[in-house]
C-alpha atoms as a PDB file:
ATOM      1  CA  UNK A   1     140.747  19.841   8.519  1.00  0.00           C
ATOM      2  CA  UNK A   2     140.775  17.378  10.196  1.00  0.00           C
ATOM      3  CA  UNK A   3     138.085  15.487  12.690  1.00  0.00           C
ATOM      4  CA  UNK A   4     138.062  15.756  16.264  1.00  0.00           C
ATOM      5  CA  UNK A   5     139.097  12.243  17.130  1.00  0.00           C
ATOM      6  CA  UNK A   6     142.102  12.731  14.639  1.00  0.00           C
ATOM      7  CA  UNK A   7     142.459  15.936  16.545  1.00  0.00           C
ATOM      8  CA  UNK A   8     142.283  14.503  20.820  1.00  0.00           C
ATOM      9  CA  UNK A   9     144.319  11.501  19.920  1.00  0.00           C
ATOM     10  CA  UNK A  10     147.926  12.832  19.705  1.00  0.00           C
ATOM     11  CA  UNK A  11     146.767  14.723  22.592  1.00  0.00           C
ATOM     12  CA  UNK A  12     146.219  12.281  24.386  1.00  0.00           C
ATOM     13  CA  UNK A  13     149.808  10.288  23.489  1.00  0.00           C
ATOM     14  CA  UNK A  14     151.135  13.386  24.868  1.00  0.00           C
ATOM     15  CA  UNK A  15     152.311  15.336  27.988  1.00  0.00           C
ATOM     16  CA  UNK A  16     149.658  18.541  28.030  1.00  0.00           C
ATOM     17  CA  UNK A  17     148.058  20.073  30.981  1.00  0.00           C
ATOM     18  CA  UNK A  18     144.221  19.919  31.880  1.00  0.00           C
ATOM     19  CA  UNK A  19     143.067  23.249  30.488  1.00  0.00           C
ATOM     20  CA  UNK A  20     145.741  22.532  27.701  1.00  0.00           C
ATOM     21  CA  UNK A  21     143.259  19.378  26.668  1.00  0.00           C
ATOM     22  CA  UNK A  22     139.820  21.671  27.514  1.00  0.00           C
ATOM     23  CA  UNK A  23     140.994  24.188  25.219  1.00  0.00           C
ATOM     24  CA  UNK A  24     142.346  21.176  22.511  1.00  0.00           C
ATOM     25  CA  UNK A  25     138.425  20.140  22.335  1.00  0.00           C
ATOM     26  CA  UNK A  26     136.512  23.254  22.398  1.00  0.00           C
ATOM     27  CA  UNK A  27     139.654  24.386  19.485  1.00  0.00           C
ATOM     28  CA  UNK A  28     138.387  20.835  18.171  1.00  0.00           C
ATOM     29  CA  UNK A  29     134.698  20.481  18.870  1.00  0.00           C
ATOM     30  CA  UNK A  30     133.636  23.794  19.002  1.00  0.00           C
ATOM     31  CA  UNK A  31     135.103  26.161  16.769  1.00  0.00           C
ATOM     32  CA  UNK A  32     134.903  26.270  12.092  1.00  0.00           C
ATOM     33  CA  UNK A  33     138.770  25.517  12.303  1.00  0.00           C
ATOM     34  CA  UNK A  34     139.533  28.881  11.599  1.00  0.00           C
ATOM     35  CA  UNK A  35     141.611  30.944  13.076  1.00  0.00           C
ATOM     36  CA  UNK A  36     139.554  32.080  16.893  1.00  0.00           C
ATOM     37  CA  UNK A  37     140.496  34.700  19.138  1.00  0.00           C
ATOM     38  CA  UNK A  38     141.644  33.830  22.623  1.00  0.00           C
ATOM     39  CA  UNK A  39     138.051  35.293  24.184  1.00  0.00           C
ATOM     40  CA  UNK A  40     136.119  33.706  22.090  1.00  0.00           C
ATOM     41  CA  UNK A  41     137.630  30.219  23.390  1.00  0.00           C
ATOM     42  CA  UNK A  42     138.298  31.576  27.676  1.00  0.00           C
ATOM     43  CA  UNK A  43     134.027  32.230  27.015  1.00  0.00           C
ATOM     44  CA  UNK A  44     133.495  29.151  26.231  1.00  0.00           C
ATOM     45  CA  UNK A  45     135.486  27.306  29.092  1.00  0.00           C
ATOM     46  CA  UNK A  46     133.800  29.722  31.444  1.00  0.00           C
ATOM     47  CA  UNK A  47     137.868  31.034  32.505  1.00  0.00           C
ATOM     48  CA  UNK A  48     139.429  34.294  31.666  1.00  0.00           C
ATOM     49  CA  UNK A  49     141.162  34.694  29.023  1.00  0.00           C
ATOM     50  CA  UNK A  50     144.764  35.089  31.255  1.00  0.00           C
ATOM     51  CA  UNK A  51     144.091  31.966  32.211  1.00  0.00           C
ATOM     52  CA  UNK A  52     143.229  30.493  28.196  1.00  0.00           C
ATOM     53  CA  UNK A  53     146.937  31.488  26.876  1.00  0.00           C
ATOM     54  CA  UNK A  54     149.310  29.808  28.426  1.00  0.00           C
ATOM     55  CA  UNK A  55     147.341  26.734  27.450  1.00  0.00           C
ATOM     56  CA  UNK A  56     147.274  28.077  24.025  1.00  0.00           C
ATOM     57  CA  UNK A  57     150.737  28.885  24.748  1.00  0.00           C
ATOM     58  CA  UNK A  58     151.787  25.125  25.467  1.00  0.00           C
ATOM     59  CA  UNK A  59     149.122  23.164  22.377  1.00  0.00           C
ATOM     60  CA  UNK A  60     151.652  25.408  20.517  1.00  0.00           C
ATOM     61  CA  UNK A  61     154.373  23.977  22.140  1.00  0.00           C
ATOM     62  CA  UNK A  62     153.299  20.499  21.232  1.00  0.00           C
ATOM     63  CA  UNK A  63     152.647  21.623  17.769  1.00  0.00           C
ATOM     64  CA  UNK A  64     148.640  20.626  17.780  1.00  0.00           C
ATOM     65  CA  UNK A  65     147.815  24.399  17.228  1.00  0.00           C
ATOM     66  CA  UNK A  66     149.225  27.434  15.714  1.00  0.00           C
ATOM     67  CA  UNK A  67     148.785  31.566  16.306  1.00  0.00           C
ATOM     68  CA  UNK A  68     148.226  34.430  14.572  1.00  0.00           C
ATOM     69  CA  UNK A  69     148.805  37.841  16.239  1.00  0.00           C
ATOM     70  CA  UNK A  70     147.296  41.158  14.332  1.00  0.00           C
ATOM     71  CA  UNK A  71     147.641  45.264  15.054  1.00  0.00           C
ATOM     72  CA  UNK A  72     144.282  46.104  15.269  1.00  0.00           C
ATOM     73  CA  UNK A  73     141.549  48.340  16.116  1.00  0.00           C
ATOM     74  CA  UNK A  74     140.603  47.568  19.800  1.00  0.00           C
ATOM     75  CA  UNK A  75     137.175  47.996  21.410  1.00  0.00           C
ATOM     76  CA  UNK A  76     138.185  51.741  22.613  1.00  0.00           C
ATOM     77  CA  UNK A  77     138.882  52.897  18.773  1.00  0.00           C
ATOM     78  CA  UNK A  78     142.657  52.199  19.233  1.00  0.00           C
ATOM     79  CA  UNK A  79     144.778  49.857  17.668  1.00  0.00           C
ATOM     80  CA  UNK A  80     146.429  46.962  19.939  1.00  0.00           C
ATOM     81  CA  UNK A  81     147.640  43.287  19.281  1.00  0.00           C
ATOM     82  CA  UNK A  82     144.900  40.717  18.597  1.00  0.00           C
ATOM     83  CA  UNK A  83     145.970  36.785  19.069  1.00  0.00           C
ATOM     84  CA  UNK A  84     143.808  33.863  17.912  1.00  0.00           C
ATOM     85  CA  UNK A  85     144.562  30.553  17.498  1.00  0.00           C
ATOM     86  CA  UNK A  86     143.818  27.484  15.337  1.00  0.00           C
ATOM     87  CA  UNK A  87     143.909  23.533  14.954  1.00  0.00           C
ATOM     88  CA  UNK A  88     147.561  23.248  12.642  1.00  0.00           C
ATOM     89  CA  UNK A  89     146.124  21.380   9.847  1.00  0.00           C
ATOM     90  CA  UNK A  90     146.962  18.279   8.741  1.00  0.00           C
ATOM     91  CA  UNK A  91     148.640  19.024   5.729  1.00  0.00           C
ATOM     92  CA  UNK A  92     151.110  21.324   7.240  1.00  0.00           C
ATOM     93  CA  UNK A  93     152.500  18.771   9.672  1.00  0.00           C
ATOM     94  CA  UNK A  94     152.164  16.009   6.920  1.00  0.00           C
ATOM     95  CA  UNK A  95     153.722  18.240   5.110  1.00  0.00           C
ATOM     96  CA  UNK A  96     156.903  18.721   7.649  1.00  0.00           C
ATOM     97  CA  UNK A  97     157.144  15.566   8.423  1.00  0.00           C
END
């Protein structure tokens, strides 16, 4: 996994929004590098999940993050879709280049 400075440098060179940069900061510095649920990222930023989803989609478009949707049991006991995000692995981006 990349160090936080390795992750933030490409973000500074891209045209992502301020909110997307804040989300990237949380993913880089405040998670273990694994899959993180949208509500967890939103809570760390003091936002609602719907406020974070657009920024996460922007990071995926810039190939700074990737998403995984899972059909899981929700809090109500019914199955629903949950979306998880993580930073793109450096080895995967180097292999693709």
